[in-house]
Amino acid sequence: MLVLSRKEGEQLLIGDNIVLTINRLSGNRVAIGIEAPREVRIVRGELDRHEVASPGSAPVAMSMDETNVSVASKPHS
């Protein structure tokens, strides 16, 4: 896992087409803006796999007010 420190307004770039922006810091919470292609599925890490929308079903709605967002990737083999 890569751990980076960022300040409000700073960004993280993932690959060529995903941008994470730290929108707001408040106490121990952070609001993250995510710019990614529509085909990239983004869900909160605490959602149970059975609750995650399957391809072709209704997407999981997220508002910019939801602040506990985690992004995880599979470890490289």
Protein backbone atom coordinates (compact mmCIF):
# COMPACT_ATOMS: atom_id res chain seq x y z
CA MET A 1 0.00 0.00 0.00
CA LEU A 2 1.25 3.44 -0.91
CA VAL A 3 0.52 6.10 1.74
CA LEU A 4 0.78 9.77 0.76
CA SER A 5 0.13 12.97 2.68
CA ARG A 6 -1.88 15.68 0.91
CA LYS A 7 -3.18 19.09 1.92
CA GLU A 8 -6.55 20.60 1.08
CA GLY A 9 -6.73 21.45 -2.64
CA GLU A 10 -3.90 19.08 -3.61
CA GLN A 11 -4.39 16.18 -6.01
CA LEU A 12 -3.29 12.62 -6.63
CA LEU A 13 -3.04 11.28 -10.17
CA ILE A 14 -3.70 7.58 -10.80
CA GLY A 15 -2.67 6.40 -14.22
CA ASP A 16 -3.53 8.70 -17.11
CA ASN A 17 -7.20 9.29 -16.39
CA ILE A 18 -8.03 9.31 -12.66
CA VAL A 19 -7.62 12.39 -10.45
CA LEU A 20 -8.31 12.49 -6.70
CA THR A 21 -8.65 15.97 -5.20
CA ILE A 22 -8.65 16.67 -1.46
CA ASN A 23 -11.66 19.01 -1.28
CA ARG A 24 -12.05 19.58 2.45
CA LEU A 25 -10.40 18.56 5.72
CA SER A 26 -12.38 18.77 8.94
CA GLY A 27 -11.02 17.14 12.09
CA ASN A 28 -10.39 13.49 11.27
CA ARG A 29 -12.54 13.53 8.11
CA VAL A 30 -11.63 14.24 4.52
CA ALA A 31 -13.83 15.00 1.49
CA ILE A 32 -12.36 13.58 -1.70
CA GLY A 33 -13.36 14.51 -5.25
CA ILE A 34 -12.84 11.77 -7.84
CA GLU A 35 -12.57 12.36 -11.58
CA ALA A 36 -12.57 9.08 -13.51
CA PRO A 37 -14.01 7.63 -16.71
CA ARG A 38 -17.59 6.39 -16.39
CA GLU A 39 -16.50 2.78 -16.86
CA VAL A 40 -14.38 2.89 -13.67
CA ARG A 41 -16.45 1.52 -10.81
CA ILE A 42 -16.03 3.46 -7.55
CA VAL A 43 -17.61 2.24 -4.29
CA ARG A 44 -16.98 2.90 -0.62
CA GLY A 45 -14.70 0.28 0.92
CA GLU A 46 -17.09 -0.57 3.77
CA LEU A 47 -19.85 -1.74 1.42
CA ASP A 48 -20.41 -5.47 1.57
CA ARG A 49 -19.63 -7.21 -1.73
CA HIS A 50 -23.24 -8.43 -1.90
CA GLU A 51 -24.53 -4.85 -1.74
CA VAL A 52 -22.29 -3.57 -4.55
CA ALA A 53 -24.18 -3.07 -7.80
CA SER A 54 -23.37 -5.65 -10.44
CA PRO A 55 -22.62 -4.61 -14.02
CA GLY A 56 -25.80 -3.49 -15.76
CA SER A 57 -27.70 -2.74 -12.56
CA ALA A 58 -28.40 0.65 -10.96
CA PRO A 59 -25.19 2.42 -9.90
CA VAL A 60 -24.35 3.14 -6.27
CA ALA A 61 -25.02 6.85 -5.76
CA MET A 62 -22.42 8.91 -3.90
CA SER A 63 -22.72 12.55 -3.01
CA MET A 64 -19.80 14.89 -2.46
CA ASP A 65 -20.86 15.06 1.22
CA GLU A 66 -19.94 11.42 1.83
CA THR A 67 -16.44 11.69 3.23
CA ASN A 68 -15.21 8.26 4.36
CA VAL A 69 -14.08 7.05 0.95
CA SER A 70 -11.28 4.56 0.51
CA VAL A 71 -9.64 3.46 -2.69
CA ALA A 72 -8.05 0.03 -2.77
CA SER A 73 -6.22 -1.85 -5.45
CA LYS A 74 -5.23 -5.48 -5.78
CA PRO A 75 -1.62 -6.21 -4.77
CA HIS A 76 0.72 -6.88 -7.66
CA SER A 77 1.57 -10.56 -8.18
